[in-house]
Amino acid sequence: MPEGKLQDEQHDQHVLTVEGQAPEEKDSCGPILGCLLTFFSVFFIVITFPFSIWFCIKMVQEYQRAVIFRLGRLKRGGAVGPGLFLIIPCIDNVQVVDLRTVSFDVPPQEILTKDSVTVAVDAVV
């Protein structure tokens, strides 16, 4: 087999990921345990439906996004919001991120320049 063709085949085997998302890694205990935990949690939610729905529905505002971690790993699809979304209470962990710009005032300070002139400087960061 020519060398160029071998390099092309090796190049095609690389996994492409969307920018900002981590590549999926294999679990050491396998995906079966995660699927089993998810199944039992959903089964428990269905059995206790009228009461459990209050714990499953979350809401974020227009200026917020929710990042959902399922069993400690980022859930496929990235951040969700604004609006309502469903979680599995025992398996999902929700971190709400505020997208608003926060500004801080730096108190005015006097500095001395090279030519020995004092200048008052203040800033907003």
PDB file of N, CA and C in Angstrom:
ATOM      1  N   MET A   1       0.847  -1.171   0.000  1.00  0.00           N
ATOM      2  CA  MET A   1       0.000   0.000   0.000  1.00  0.00           C
ATOM      3  C   MET A   1       0.897   1.242   0.000  1.00  0.00           C
ATOM      4  N   PRO A   2       0.616   2.240  -0.850  1.00  0.00           N
ATOM      5  CA  PRO A   2       1.442   3.443  -0.892  1.00  0.00           C
ATOM      6  C   PRO A   2       1.368   4.210   0.424  1.00  0.00           C
ATOM      7  N   GLU A   3       2.461   4.919   0.712  1.00  0.00           N
ATOM      8  CA  GLU A   3       2.542   5.652   1.966  1.00  0.00           C
ATOM      9  C   GLU A   3       1.490   6.746   2.071  1.00  0.00           C
ATOM     10  N   GLY A   4       1.207   7.457   0.998  1.00  0.00           N
ATOM     11  CA  GLY A   4       0.226   8.545   1.008  1.00  0.00           C
ATOM     12  C   GLY A   4      -1.162   8.059   1.362  1.00  0.00           C
ATOM     13  N   LYS A   5      -1.529   6.883   0.848  1.00  0.00           N
ATOM     14  CA  LYS A   5      -2.854   6.345   1.122  1.00  0.00           C
ATOM     15  C   LYS A   5      -2.968   5.920   2.586  1.00  0.00           C
ATOM     16  N   LEU A   6      -1.895   5.366   3.154  1.00  0.00           N
ATOM     17  CA  LEU A   6      -1.888   4.963   4.552  1.00  0.00           C
ATOM     18  C   LEU A   6      -2.051   6.186   5.449  1.00  0.00           C
ATOM     19  N   GLN A   7      -1.369   7.285   5.138  1.00  0.00           N
ATOM     20  CA  GLN A   7      -1.491   8.498   5.930  1.00  0.00           C
ATOM     21  C   GLN A   7      -2.899   9.067   5.842  1.00  0.00           C
ATOM     22  N   ASP A   8      -3.552   9.000   4.658  1.00  0.00           N
ATOM     23  CA  ASP A   8      -4.921   9.482   4.512  1.00  0.00           C
ATOM     24  C   ASP A   8      -5.881   8.671   5.373  1.00  0.00           C
ATOM     25  N   GLU A   9      -5.690   7.340   5.439  1.00  0.00           N
ATOM     26  CA  GLU A   9      -6.561   6.506   6.248  1.00  0.00           C
ATOM     27  C   GLU A   9      -6.383   6.810   7.729  1.00  0.00           C
ATOM     28  N   GLN A  10      -5.144   7.035   8.162  1.00  0.00           N
ATOM     29  CA  GLN A  10      -4.898   7.379   9.554  1.00  0.00           C
ATOM     30  C   GLN A  10      -5.500   8.740   9.874  1.00  0.00           C
ATOM     31  N   HIS A  11      -5.441   9.665   8.926  1.00  0.00           N
ATOM     32  CA  HIS A  11      -5.986  10.998   9.143  1.00  0.00           C
ATOM     33  C   HIS A  11      -7.511  10.954   9.266  1.00  0.00           C
ATOM     34  N   ASP A  12      -8.178  10.063   8.522  1.00  0.00           N
ATOM     35  CA  ASP A  12      -9.632   9.946   8.564  1.00  0.00           C
ATOM     36  C   ASP A  12     -10.121   9.346   9.877  1.00  0.00           C
ATOM     37  N   GLN A  13      -9.262   8.661  10.607  1.00  0.00           N
ATOM     38  CA  GLN A  13      -9.672   8.009  11.837  1.00  0.00           C
ATOM     39  C   GLN A  13      -9.744   8.970  13.018  1.00  0.00           C
ATOM     40  N   HIS A  14      -9.236  10.190  12.895  1.00  0.00           N
ATOM     41  CA  HIS A  14      -9.275  11.147  13.993  1.00  0.00           C
ATOM     42  C   HIS A  14     -10.709  11.590  14.231  1.00  0.00           C
ATOM     43  N   VAL A  15     -11.043  11.816  15.503  1.00  0.00           N
ATOM     44  CA  VAL A  15     -12.393  12.227  15.877  1.00  0.00           C
ATOM     45  C   VAL A  15     -12.445  13.752  15.869  1.00  0.00           C
ATOM     46  N   LEU A  16     -13.413  14.298  15.154  1.00  0.00           N
ATOM     47  CA  LEU A  16     -13.614  15.737  15.128  1.00  0.00           C
ATOM     48  C   LEU A  16     -14.636  16.107  16.188  1.00  0.00           C
ATOM     49  N   THR A  17     -14.374  17.163  16.946  1.00  0.00           N
ATOM     50  CA  THR A  17     -15.306  17.614  17.967  1.00  0.00           C
ATOM     51  C   THR A  17     -15.717  19.041  17.667  1.00  0.00           C
ATOM     52  N   VAL A  18     -16.888  19.408  18.149  1.00  0.00           N
ATOM     53  CA  VAL A  18     -17.369  20.768  18.001  1.00  0.00           C
ATOM     54  C   VAL A  18     -16.542  21.654  18.917  1.00  0.00           C
ATOM     55  N   GLU A  19     -16.232  22.854  18.466  1.00  0.00           N
ATOM     56  CA  GLU A  19     -15.408  23.756  19.261  1.00  0.00           C
ATOM     57  C   GLU A  19     -16.091  24.037  20.586  1.00  0.00           C
ATOM     58  N   GLY A  20     -15.358  23.931  21.681  1.00  0.00           N
ATOM     59  CA  GLY A  20     -15.893  24.194  23.001  1.00  0.00           C
ATOM     60  C   GLY A  20     -16.420  22.953  23.704  1.00  0.00           C
ATOM     61  N   GLN A  21     -16.460  21.813  23.040  1.00  0.00           N
ATOM     62  CA  GLN A  21     -16.928  20.597  23.668  1.00  0.00           C
ATOM     63  C   GLN A  21     -15.772  19.614  23.803  1.00  0.00           C
ATOM     64  N   ALA A  22     -15.734  18.961  24.932  1.00  0.00           N
ATOM     65  CA  ALA A  22     -14.680  17.979  25.169  1.00  0.00           C
ATOM     66  C   ALA A  22     -15.035  16.684  24.456  1.00  0.00           C
ATOM     67  N   PRO A  23     -14.035  15.970  23.932  1.00  0.00           N
ATOM     68  CA  PRO A  23     -14.334  14.677  23.310  1.00  0.00           C
ATOM     69  C   PRO A  23     -14.826  13.692  24.361  1.00  0.00           C
ATOM     70  N   GLU A  24     -15.732  12.816  23.943  1.00  0.00           N
ATOM     71  CA  GLU A  24     -16.273  11.832  24.872  1.00  0.00           C
ATOM     72  C   GLU A  24     -15.214  10.778  25.166  1.00  0.00           C
ATOM     73  N   GLU A  25     -15.131  10.412  26.443  1.00  0.00           N
ATOM     74  CA  GLU A  25     -14.167   9.409  26.856  1.00  0.00           C
ATOM     75  C   GLU A  25     -14.922   8.164  27.305  1.00  0.00           C
ATOM     76  N   LYS A  26     -14.249   7.038  27.233  1.00  0.00           N
ATOM     77  CA  LYS A  26     -14.841   5.782  27.678  1.00  0.00           C
ATOM     78  C   LYS A  26     -14.809   5.725  29.201  1.00  0.00           C
ATOM     79  N   ASP A  27     -15.913   5.249  29.814  1.00  0.00           N
ATOM     80  CA  ASP A  27     -15.948   5.049  31.252  1.00  0.00           C
ATOM     81  C   ASP A  27     -15.157   3.805  31.610  1.00  0.00           C
ATOM     82  N   SER A  28     -14.538   3.808  32.794  1.00  0.00           N
ATOM     83  CA  SER A  28     -13.799   2.627  33.215  1.00  0.00           C
ATOM     84  C   SER A  28     -14.747   1.498  33.591  1.00  0.00           C
ATOM     85  N   CYS A  29     -15.960   1.842  34.100  1.00  0.00           N
ATOM     86  CA  CYS A  29     -16.919   0.787  34.445  1.00  0.00           C
ATOM     87  C   CYS A  29     -17.894   0.540  33.314  1.00  0.00           C
ATOM     88  N   GLY A  30     -17.798   1.282  32.232  1.00  0.00           N
ATOM     89  CA  GLY A  30     -18.636   1.060  31.063  1.00  0.00           C
ATOM     90  C   GLY A  30     -19.910   1.875  31.105  1.00  0.00           C
ATOM     91  N   PRO A  31     -20.518   2.056  29.942  1.00  0.00           N
ATOM     92  CA  PRO A  31     -21.751   2.839  29.880  1.00  0.00           C
ATOM     93  C   PRO A  31     -22.963   2.078  30.419  1.00  0.00           C
ATOM     94  N   ILE A  32     -22.825   0.798  30.680  1.00  0.00           N
ATOM     95  CA  ILE A  32     -23.954   0.000  31.157  1.00  0.00           C
ATOM     96  C   ILE A  32     -24.384   0.465  32.540  1.00  0.00           C
ATOM     97  N   LEU A  33     -23.437   0.757  33.415  1.00  0.00           N
ATOM     98  CA  LEU A  33     -23.768   1.207  34.763  1.00  0.00           C
ATOM     99  C   LEU A  33     -24.498   2.549  34.724  1.00  0.00           C
ATOM    100  N   GLY A  34     -24.055   3.460  33.877  1.00  0.00           N
ATOM    101  CA  GLY A  34     -24.724   4.750  33.744  1.00  0.00           C
ATOM    102  C   GLY A  34     -26.137   4.604  33.211  1.00  0.00           C
ATOM    103  N   CYS A  35     -26.323   3.727  32.220  1.00  0.00           N
ATOM    104  CA  CYS A  35     -27.661   3.479  31.668  1.00  0.00           C
ATOM    105  C   CYS A  35     -28.560   2.832  32.708  1.00  0.00           C
ATOM    106  N   LEU A  36     -28.008   1.948  33.504  1.00  0.00           N
ATOM    107  CA  LEU A  36     -28.789   1.276  34.538  1.00  0.00           C
ATOM    108  C   LEU A  36     -29.248   2.264  35.610  1.00  0.00           C
ATOM    109  N   LEU A  37     -28.349   3.133  36.057  1.00  0.00           N
ATOM    110  CA  LEU A  37     -28.719   4.166  37.032  1.00  0.00           C
ATOM    111  C   LEU A  37     -29.766   5.116  36.472  1.00  0.00           C
ATOM    112  N   THR A  38     -29.613   5.505  35.215  1.00  0.00           N
ATOM    113  CA  THR A  38     -30.580   6.395  34.579  1.00  0.00           C
ATOM    114  C   THR A  38     -31.939   5.715  34.472  1.00  0.00           C
ATOM    115  N   PHE A  39     -31.967   4.448  34.092  1.00  0.00           N
ATOM    116  CA  PHE A  39     -33.226   3.715  33.977  1.00  0.00           C
ATOM    117  C   PHE A  39     -33.954   3.653  35.314  1.00  0.00           C
ATOM    118  N   PHE A  40     -33.239   3.295  36.387  1.00  0.00           N
ATOM    119  CA  PHE A  40     -33.887   3.198  37.693  1.00  0.00           C
ATOM    120  C   PHE A  40     -34.358   4.565  38.183  1.00  0.00           C
ATOM    121  N   SER A  41     -33.624   5.611  37.902  1.00  0.00           N
ATOM    122  CA  SER A  41     -34.051   6.950  38.309  1.00  0.00           C
ATOM    123  C   SER A  41     -35.303   7.382  37.561  1.00  0.00           C
ATOM    124  N   VAL A  42     -35.348   7.146  36.258  1.00  0.00           N
ATOM    125  CA  VAL A  42     -36.537   7.490  35.474  1.00  0.00           C
ATOM    126  C   VAL A  42     -37.727   6.637  35.924  1.00  0.00           C
ATOM    127  N   PHE A  43     -37.496   5.371  36.213  1.00  0.00           N
ATOM    128  CA  PHE A  43     -38.547   4.493  36.718  1.00  0.00           C
ATOM    129  C   PHE A  43     -39.113   5.021  38.037  1.00  0.00           C
ATOM    130  N   PHE A  44     -38.246   5.457  38.931  1.00  0.00           N
ATOM    131  CA  PHE A  44     -38.672   6.020  40.213  1.00  0.00           C
ATOM    132  C   PHE A  44     -39.449   7.322  40.008  1.00  0.00           C
ATOM    133  N   ILE A  45     -39.045   8.135  39.041  1.00  0.00           N
ATOM    134  CA  ILE A  45     -39.761   9.381  38.738  1.00  0.00           C
ATOM    135  C   ILE A  45     -41.158   9.076  38.217  1.00  0.00           C
ATOM    136  N   VAL A  46     -41.281   8.064  37.351  1.00  0.00           N
ATOM    137  CA  VAL A  46     -42.587   7.697  36.793  1.00  0.00           C
ATOM    138  C   VAL A  46     -43.512   7.163  37.891  1.00  0.00           C
ATOM    139  N   ILE A  47     -42.978   6.366  38.804  1.00  0.00           N
ATOM    140  CA  ILE A  47     -43.798   5.818  39.886  1.00  0.00           C
ATOM    141  C   ILE A  47     -44.312   6.924  40.806  1.00  0.00           C
ATOM    142  N   THR A  48     -43.468   7.880  41.128  1.00  0.00           N
ATOM    143  CA  THR A  48     -43.843   8.974  42.037  1.00  0.00           C
ATOM    144  C   THR A  48     -44.158  10.245  41.258  1.00  0.00           C
ATOM    145  N   PHE A  49     -44.798  10.109  40.109  1.00  0.00           N
ATOM    146  CA  PHE A  49     -44.968  11.218  39.166  1.00  0.00           C
ATOM    147  C   PHE A  49     -45.551  12.504  39.758  1.00  0.00           C
ATOM    148  N   PRO A  50     -46.666  12.500  40.433  1.00  0.00           N
ATOM    149  CA  PRO A  50     -47.193  13.808  40.848  1.00  0.00           C
ATOM    150  C   PRO A  50     -46.252  14.568  41.780  1.00  0.00           C
ATOM    151  N   PHE A  51     -45.506  13.854  42.589  1.00  0.00           N
ATOM    152  CA  PHE A  51     -44.610  14.527  43.530  1.00  0.00           C
ATOM    153  C   PHE A  51     -43.240  14.819  42.918  1.00  0.00           C
ATOM    154  N   SER A  52     -42.771  13.938  42.096  1.00  0.00           N
ATOM    155  CA  SER A  52     -41.410  14.078  41.566  1.00  0.00           C
ATOM    156  C   SER A  52     -41.293  15.136  40.481  1.00  0.00           C
ATOM    157  N   ILE A  53     -42.398  15.514  39.838  1.00  0.00           N
ATOM    158  CA  ILE A  53     -42.315  16.491  38.747  1.00  0.00           C
ATOM    159  C   ILE A  53     -41.822  17.844  39.264  1.00  0.00           C
ATOM    160  N   TRP A  54     -42.080  18.155  40.535  1.00  0.00           N
ATOM    161  CA  TRP A  54     -41.622  19.421  41.108  1.00  0.00           C
ATOM    162  C   TRP A  54     -40.101  19.470  41.226  1.00  0.00           C
ATOM    163  N   PHE A  55     -39.472  18.316  41.304  1.00  0.00           N
ATOM    164  CA  PHE A  55     -38.016  18.262  41.405  1.00  0.00           C
ATOM    165  C   PHE A  55     -37.338  18.112  40.046  1.00  0.00           C
ATOM    166  N   CYS A  56     -38.114  17.767  39.026  1.00  0.00           N
ATOM    167  CA  CYS A  56     -37.549  17.493  37.698  1.00  0.00           C
ATOM    168  C   CYS A  56     -37.548  18.707  36.778  1.00  0.00           C
ATOM    169  N   ILE A  57     -38.425  19.664  37.004  1.00  0.00           N
ATOM    170  CA  ILE A  57     -38.522  20.831  36.120  1.00  0.00           C
ATOM    171  C   ILE A  57     -37.723  21.981  36.718  1.00  0.00           C
ATOM    172  N   LYS A  58     -36.838  22.538  35.934  1.00  0.00           N
ATOM    173  CA  LYS A  58     -36.043  23.704  36.326  1.00  0.00           C
ATOM    174  C   LYS A  58     -36.255  24.816  35.313  1.00  0.00           C
ATOM    175  N   MET A  59     -36.014  26.048  35.723  1.00  0.00           N
ATOM    176  CA  MET A  59     -36.191  27.187  34.834  1.00  0.00           C
ATOM    177  C   MET A  59     -35.021  28.148  34.999  1.00  0.00           C
ATOM    178  N   VAL A  60     -34.558  28.701  33.881  1.00  0.00           N
ATOM    179  CA  VAL A  60     -33.535  29.738  33.911  1.00  0.00           C
ATOM    180  C   VAL A  60     -34.051  30.963  33.164  1.00  0.00           C
ATOM    181  N   GLN A  61     -33.588  32.116  33.577  1.00  0.00           N
ATOM    182  CA  GLN A  61     -34.023  33.389  32.997  1.00  0.00           C
ATOM    183  C   GLN A  61     -33.344  33.624  31.651  1.00  0.00           C
ATOM    184  N   GLU A  62     -33.725  34.743  31.008  1.00  0.00           N
ATOM    185  CA  GLU A  62     -33.176  35.074  29.685  1.00  0.00           C
ATOM    186  C   GLU A  62     -31.680  35.321  29.715  1.00  0.00           C
ATOM    187  N   TYR A  63     -31.174  35.832  30.815  1.00  0.00           N
ATOM    188  CA  TYR A  63     -29.765  36.186  30.917  1.00  0.00           C
ATOM    189  C   TYR A  63     -28.937  35.075  31.561  1.00  0.00           C
ATOM    190  N   GLN A  64     -29.508  33.889  31.688  1.00  0.00           N
ATOM    191  CA  GLN A  64     -28.809  32.773  32.302  1.00  0.00           C
ATOM    192  C   GLN A  64     -28.810  31.565  31.375  1.00  0.00           C
ATOM    193  N   ARG A  65     -27.856  30.672  31.586  1.00  0.00           N
ATOM    194  CA  ARG A  65     -27.821  29.379  30.908  1.00  0.00           C
ATOM    195  C   ARG A  65     -27.529  28.329  31.976  1.00  0.00           C
ATOM    196  N   ALA A  66     -28.035  27.147  31.770  1.00  0.00           N
ATOM    197  CA  ALA A  66     -27.818  26.045  32.713  1.00  0.00           C
ATOM    198  C   ALA A  66     -26.930  25.004  32.049  1.00  0.00           C
ATOM    199  N   VAL A  67     -25.868  24.648  32.728  1.00  0.00           N
ATOM    200  CA  VAL A  67     -24.979  23.589  32.268  1.00  0.00           C
ATOM    201  C   VAL A  67     -25.316  22.352  33.093  1.00  0.00           C
ATOM    202  N   ILE A  68     -25.677  21.265  32.402  1.00  0.00           N
ATOM    203  CA  ILE A  68     -26.129  20.050  33.081  1.00  0.00           C
ATOM    204  C   ILE A  68     -25.018  19.005  33.026  1.00  0.00           C
ATOM    205  N   PHE A  69     -24.677  18.493  34.186  1.00  0.00           N
ATOM    206  CA  PHE A  69     -23.709  17.410  34.305  1.00  0.00           C
ATOM    207  C   PHE A  69     -24.463  16.148  34.678  1.00  0.00           C
ATOM    208  N   ARG A  70     -24.366  15.107  33.864  1.00  0.00           N
ATOM    209  CA  ARG A  70     -25.003  13.824  34.153  1.00  0.00           C
ATOM    210  C   ARG A  70     -23.922  12.852  34.589  1.00  0.00           C
ATOM    211  N   LEU A  71     -24.032  12.405  35.843  1.00  0.00           N
ATOM    212  CA  LEU A  71     -23.042  11.527  36.469  1.00  0.00           C
ATOM    213  C   LEU A  71     -21.639  12.129  36.387  1.00  0.00           C
ATOM    214  N   GLY A  72     -21.557  13.441  36.561  1.00  0.00           N
ATOM    215  CA  GLY A  72     -20.274  14.138  36.598  1.00  0.00           C
ATOM    216  C   GLY A  72     -19.710  14.537  35.255  1.00  0.00           C
ATOM    217  N   ARG A  73     -20.376  14.187  34.165  1.00  0.00           N
ATOM    218  CA  ARG A  73     -19.887  14.532  32.830  1.00  0.00           C
ATOM    219  C   ARG A  73     -20.875  15.469  32.153  1.00  0.00           C
ATOM    220  N   LEU A  74     -20.344  16.315  31.291  1.00  0.00           N
ATOM    221  CA  LEU A  74     -21.180  17.275  30.586  1.00  0.00           C
ATOM    222  C   LEU A  74     -22.196  16.548  29.717  1.00  0.00           C
ATOM    223  N   LYS A  75     -23.470  16.928  29.870  1.00  0.00           N
ATOM    224  CA  LYS A  75     -24.526  16.301  29.073  1.00  0.00           C
ATOM    225  C   LYS A  75     -24.421  16.774  27.631  1.00  0.00           C
ATOM    226  N   ARG A  76     -24.713  15.880  26.706  1.00  0.00           N
ATOM    227  CA  ARG A  76     -24.640  16.186  25.286  1.00  0.00           C
ATOM    228  C   ARG A  76     -25.598  17.335  24.962  1.00  0.00           C
ATOM    229  N   GLY A  77     -25.176  18.274  24.146  1.00  0.00           N
ATOM    230  CA  GLY A  77     -26.022  19.399  23.762  1.00  0.00           C
ATOM    231  C   GLY A  77     -25.560  20.700  24.388  1.00  0.00           C
ATOM    232  N   GLY A  78     -24.679  20.651  25.362  1.00  0.00           N
ATOM    233  CA  GLY A  78     -24.143  21.867  25.961  1.00  0.00           C
ATOM    234  C   GLY A  78     -25.124  22.542  26.899  1.00  0.00           C
ATOM    235  N   ALA A  79     -25.010  23.864  26.995  1.00  0.00           N
ATOM    236  CA  ALA A  79     -25.831  24.642  27.914  1.00  0.00           C
ATOM    237  C   ALA A  79     -27.263  24.755  27.389  1.00  0.00           C
ATOM    238  N   VAL A  80     -28.220  24.765  28.314  1.00  0.00           N
ATOM    239  CA  VAL A  80     -29.625  24.902  27.950  1.00  0.00           C
ATOM    240  C   VAL A  80     -30.175  26.203  28.524  1.00  0.00           C
ATOM    241  N   GLY A  81     -31.208  26.695  27.884  1.00  0.00           N
ATOM    242  CA  GLY A  81     -31.877  27.883  28.389  1.00  0.00           C
ATOM    243  C   GLY A  81     -31.954  28.927  27.311  1.00  0.00           C
ATOM    244  N   PRO A  82     -32.677  29.963  27.509  1.00  0.00           N
ATOM    245  CA  PRO A  82     -33.556  30.246  28.646  1.00  0.00           C
ATOM    246  C   PRO A  82     -34.848  29.463  28.551  1.00  0.00           C
ATOM    247  N   GLY A  83     -35.511  29.298  29.690  1.00  0.00           N
ATOM    248  CA  GLY A  83     -36.787  28.612  29.724  1.00  0.00           C
ATOM    249  C   GLY A  83     -36.778  27.405  30.640  1.00  0.00           C
ATOM    250  N   LEU A  84     -37.741  26.511  30.400  1.00  0.00           N
ATOM    251  CA  LEU A  84     -37.897  25.308  31.209  1.00  0.00           C
ATOM    252  C   LEU A  84     -37.124  24.139  30.607  1.00  0.00           C
ATOM    253  N   PHE A  85     -36.635  23.268  31.471  1.00  0.00           N
ATOM    254  CA  PHE A  85     -35.982  22.039  31.021  1.00  0.00           C
ATOM    255  C   PHE A  85     -36.137  20.991  32.112  1.00  0.00           C
ATOM    256  N   LEU A  86     -35.988  19.745  31.718  1.00  0.00           N
ATOM    257  CA  LEU A  86     -36.138  18.620  32.643  1.00  0.00           C
ATOM    258  C   LEU A  86     -34.785  18.064  33.046  1.00  0.00           C
ATOM    259  N   ILE A  87     -34.684  17.652  34.308  1.00  0.00           N
ATOM    260  CA  ILE A  87     -33.485  16.982  34.801  1.00  0.00           C
ATOM    261  C   ILE A  87     -33.915  15.721  35.536  1.00  0.00           C
ATOM    262  N   ILE A  88     -32.970  14.838  35.756  1.00  0.00           N
ATOM    263  CA  ILE A  88     -33.181  13.666  36.602  1.00  0.00           C
ATOM    264  C   ILE A  88     -32.519  13.997  37.931  1.00  0.00           C
ATOM    265  N   PRO A  89     -33.309  14.164  39.010  1.00  0.00           N
ATOM    266  CA  PRO A  89     -32.787  14.734  40.249  1.00  0.00           C
ATOM    267  C   PRO A  89     -31.569  14.045  40.847  1.00  0.00           C
ATOM    268  N   CYS A  90     -31.509  12.742  40.891  1.00  0.00           N
ATOM    269  CA  CYS A  90     -30.395  12.065  41.562  1.00  0.00           C
ATOM    270  C   CYS A  90     -29.162  11.927  40.680  1.00  0.00           C
ATOM    271  N   ILE A  91     -29.309  12.134  39.393  1.00  0.00           N
ATOM    272  CA  ILE A  91     -28.210  11.883  38.462  1.00  0.00           C
ATOM    273  C   ILE A  91     -27.634  13.176  37.895  1.00  0.00           C
ATOM    274  N   ASP A  92     -28.491  14.179  37.658  1.00  0.00           N
ATOM    275  CA  ASP A  92     -28.046  15.422  37.035  1.00  0.00           C
ATOM    276  C   ASP A  92     -27.678  16.459  38.078  1.00  0.00           C
ATOM    277  N   ASN A  93     -26.623  17.199  37.776  1.00  0.00           N
ATOM    278  CA  ASN A  93     -26.202  18.330  38.584  1.00  0.00           C
ATOM    279  C   ASN A  93     -26.268  19.560  37.689  1.00  0.00           C
ATOM    280  N   VAL A  94     -26.963  20.609  38.135  1.00  0.00           N
ATOM    281  CA  VAL A  94     -27.181  21.797  37.315  1.00  0.00           C
ATOM    282  C   VAL A  94     -26.355  22.952  37.867  1.00  0.00           C
ATOM    283  N   GLN A  95     -25.576  23.581  36.992  1.00  0.00           N
ATOM    284  CA  GLN A  95     -24.833  24.792  37.335  1.00  0.00           C
ATOM    285  C   GLN A  95     -25.383  25.929  36.483  1.00  0.00           C
ATOM    286  N   VAL A  96     -25.888  26.983  37.111  1.00  0.00           N
ATOM    287  CA  VAL A  96     -26.455  28.117  36.388  1.00  0.00           C
ATOM    288  C   VAL A  96     -25.355  29.161  36.190  1.00  0.00           C
ATOM    289  N   VAL A  97     -25.205  29.612  34.931  1.00  0.00           N
ATOM    290  CA  VAL A  97     -24.177  30.582  34.575  1.00  0.00           C
ATOM    291  C   VAL A  97     -24.870  31.886  34.190  1.00  0.00           C
ATOM    292  N   ASP A  98     -24.425  32.985  34.789  1.00  0.00           N
ATOM    293  CA  ASP A  98     -24.998  34.294  34.499  1.00  0.00           C
ATOM    294  C   ASP A  98     -24.218  34.928  33.355  1.00  0.00           C
ATOM    295  N   LEU A  99     -24.918  35.381  32.310  1.00  0.00           N
ATOM    296  CA  LEU A  99     -24.272  35.941  31.131  1.00  0.00           C
ATOM    297  C   LEU A  99     -24.167  37.460  31.165  1.00  0.00           C
ATOM    298  N   ARG A 100     -24.689  38.093  32.211  1.00  0.00           N
ATOM    299  CA  ARG A 100     -24.656  39.549  32.279  1.00  0.00           C
ATOM    300  C   ARG A 100     -23.231  40.045  32.526  1.00  0.00           C
ATOM    301  N   THR A 101     -22.955  41.211  31.992  1.00  0.00           N
ATOM    302  CA  THR A 101     -21.651  41.838  32.197  1.00  0.00           C
ATOM    303  C   THR A 101     -21.622  42.469  33.582  1.00  0.00           C
ATOM    304  N   VAL A 102     -20.588  42.177  34.341  1.00  0.00           N
ATOM    305  CA  VAL A 102     -20.440  42.709  35.687  1.00  0.00           C
ATOM    306  C   VAL A 102     -19.306  43.727  35.672  1.00  0.00           C
ATOM    307  N   SER A 103     -19.565  44.902  36.229  1.00  0.00           N
ATOM    308  CA  SER A 103     -18.525  45.933  36.265  1.00  0.00           C
ATOM    309  C   SER A 103     -18.177  46.257  37.710  1.00  0.00           C
ATOM    310  N   PHE A 104     -16.910  46.556  37.928  1.00  0.00           N
ATOM    311  CA  PHE A 104     -16.407  46.928  39.244  1.00  0.00           C
ATOM    312  C   PHE A 104     -15.701  48.273  39.139  1.00  0.00           C
ATOM    313  N   ASP A 105     -15.932  49.127  40.123  1.00  0.00           N
ATOM    314  CA  ASP A 105     -15.236  50.410  40.175  1.00  0.00           C
ATOM    315  C   ASP A 105     -13.935  50.241  40.947  1.00  0.00           C
ATOM    316  N   VAL A 106     -12.873  50.752  40.366  1.00  0.00           N
ATOM    317  CA  VAL A 106     -11.577  50.769  41.039  1.00  0.00           C
ATOM    318  C   VAL A 106     -11.444  52.138  41.684  1.00  0.00           C
ATOM    319  N   PRO A 107     -11.156  52.199  42.979  1.00  0.00           N
ATOM    320  CA  PRO A 107     -11.061  53.513  43.629  1.00  0.00           C
ATOM    321  C   PRO A 107      -9.920  54.344  43.035  1.00  0.00           C
ATOM    322  N   PRO A 108     -10.105  55.665  42.995  1.00  0.00           N
ATOM    323  CA  PRO A 108      -9.055  56.515  42.423  1.00  0.00           C
ATOM    324  C   PRO A 108      -7.737  56.407  43.210  1.00  0.00           C
ATOM    325  N   GLN A 109      -6.645  56.405  42.458  1.00  0.00           N
ATOM    326  CA  GLN A 109      -5.326  56.313  43.070  1.00  0.00           C
ATOM    327  C   GLN A 109      -4.431  57.372  42.448  1.00  0.00           C
ATOM    328  N   GLU A 110      -3.523  57.882  43.236  1.00  0.00           N
ATOM    329  CA  GLU A 110      -2.561  58.854  42.721  1.00  0.00           C
ATOM    330  C   GLU A 110      -1.264  58.140  42.411  1.00  0.00           C
ATOM    331  N   ILE A 111      -0.756  58.400  41.202  1.00  0.00           N
ATOM    332  CA  ILE A 111       0.507  57.795  40.799  1.00  0.00           C
ATOM    333  C   ILE A 111       1.487  58.887  40.432  1.00  0.00           C
ATOM    334  N   LEU A 112       2.734  58.527  40.427  1.00  0.00           N
ATOM    335  CA  LEU A 112       3.801  59.460  40.112  1.00  0.00           C
ATOM    336  C   LEU A 112       4.401  59.081  38.762  1.00  0.00           C
ATOM    337  N   THR A 113       4.435  60.013  37.825  1.00  0.00           N
ATOM    338  CA  THR A 113       4.984  59.743  36.498  1.00  0.00           C
ATOM    339  C   THR A 113       6.499  59.906  36.513  1.00  0.00           C
ATOM    340  N   LYS A 114       7.152  59.635  35.374  1.00  0.00           N
ATOM    341  CA  LYS A 114       8.611  59.743  35.276  1.00  0.00           C
ATOM    342  C   LYS A 114       9.098  61.173  35.491  1.00  0.00           C
ATOM    343  N   ASP A 115       8.275  62.140  35.090  1.00  0.00           N
ATOM    344  CA  ASP A 115       8.704  63.532  35.246  1.00  0.00           C
ATOM    345  C   ASP A 115       8.197  64.137  36.557  1.00  0.00           C
ATOM    346  N   SER A 116       7.914  63.296  37.566  1.00  0.00           N
ATOM    347  CA  SER A 116       7.537  63.689  38.923  1.00  0.00           C
ATOM    348  C   SER A 116       6.256  64.518  38.987  1.00  0.00           C
ATOM    349  N   VAL A 117       5.280  64.130  38.216  1.00  0.00           N
ATOM    350  CA  VAL A 117       3.970  64.761  38.265  1.00  0.00           C
ATOM    351  C   VAL A 117       2.999  63.735  38.825  1.00  0.00           C
ATOM    352  N   THR A 118       2.164  64.164  39.795  1.00  0.00           N
ATOM    353  CA  THR A 118       1.179  63.242  40.341  1.00  0.00           C
ATOM    354  C   THR A 118      -0.101  63.311  39.499  1.00  0.00           C
ATOM    355  N   VAL A 119      -0.634  62.122  39.218  1.00  0.00           N
ATOM    356  CA  VAL A 119      -1.825  62.012  38.397  1.00  0.00           C
ATOM    357  C   VAL A 119      -2.820  61.116  39.142  1.00  0.00           C
ATOM    358  N   ALA A 120      -4.087  61.541  39.196  1.00  0.00           N
ATOM    359  CA  ALA A 120      -5.133  60.724  39.801  1.00  0.00           C
ATOM    360  C   ALA A 120      -5.728  59.830  38.702  1.00  0.00           C
ATOM    361  N   VAL A 121      -5.749  58.526  38.973  1.00  0.00           N
ATOM    362  CA  VAL A 121      -6.236  57.559  37.982  1.00  0.00           C
ATOM    363  C   VAL A 121      -7.358  56.745  38.622  1.00  0.00           C
ATOM    364  N   ASP A 122      -8.453  56.585  37.884  1.00  0.00           N
ATOM    365  CA  ASP A 122      -9.511  55.687  38.322  1.00  0.00           C
ATOM    366  C   ASP A 122      -9.966  54.885  37.104  1.00  0.00           C
ATOM    367  N   ALA A 123     -10.669  53.789  37.369  1.00  0.00           N
ATOM    368  CA  ALA A 123     -11.042  52.907  36.247  1.00  0.00           C
ATOM    369  C   ALA A 123     -12.332  52.168  36.581  1.00  0.00           C
ATOM    370  N   VAL A 124     -12.927  51.597  35.537  1.00  0.00           N
ATOM    371  CA  VAL A 124     -14.071  50.688  35.671  1.00  0.00           C
ATOM    372  C   VAL A 124     -13.696  49.425  34.923  1.00  0.00           C
ATOM    373  N   VAL A 125     -13.703  48.323  35.653  1.00  0.00           N
ATOM    374  CA  VAL A 125     -13.333  47.048  35.047  1.00  0.00           C
ATOM    375  C   VAL A 125     -14.577  46.194  34.911  1.00  0.00           C
TER     376      VAL A 125
END
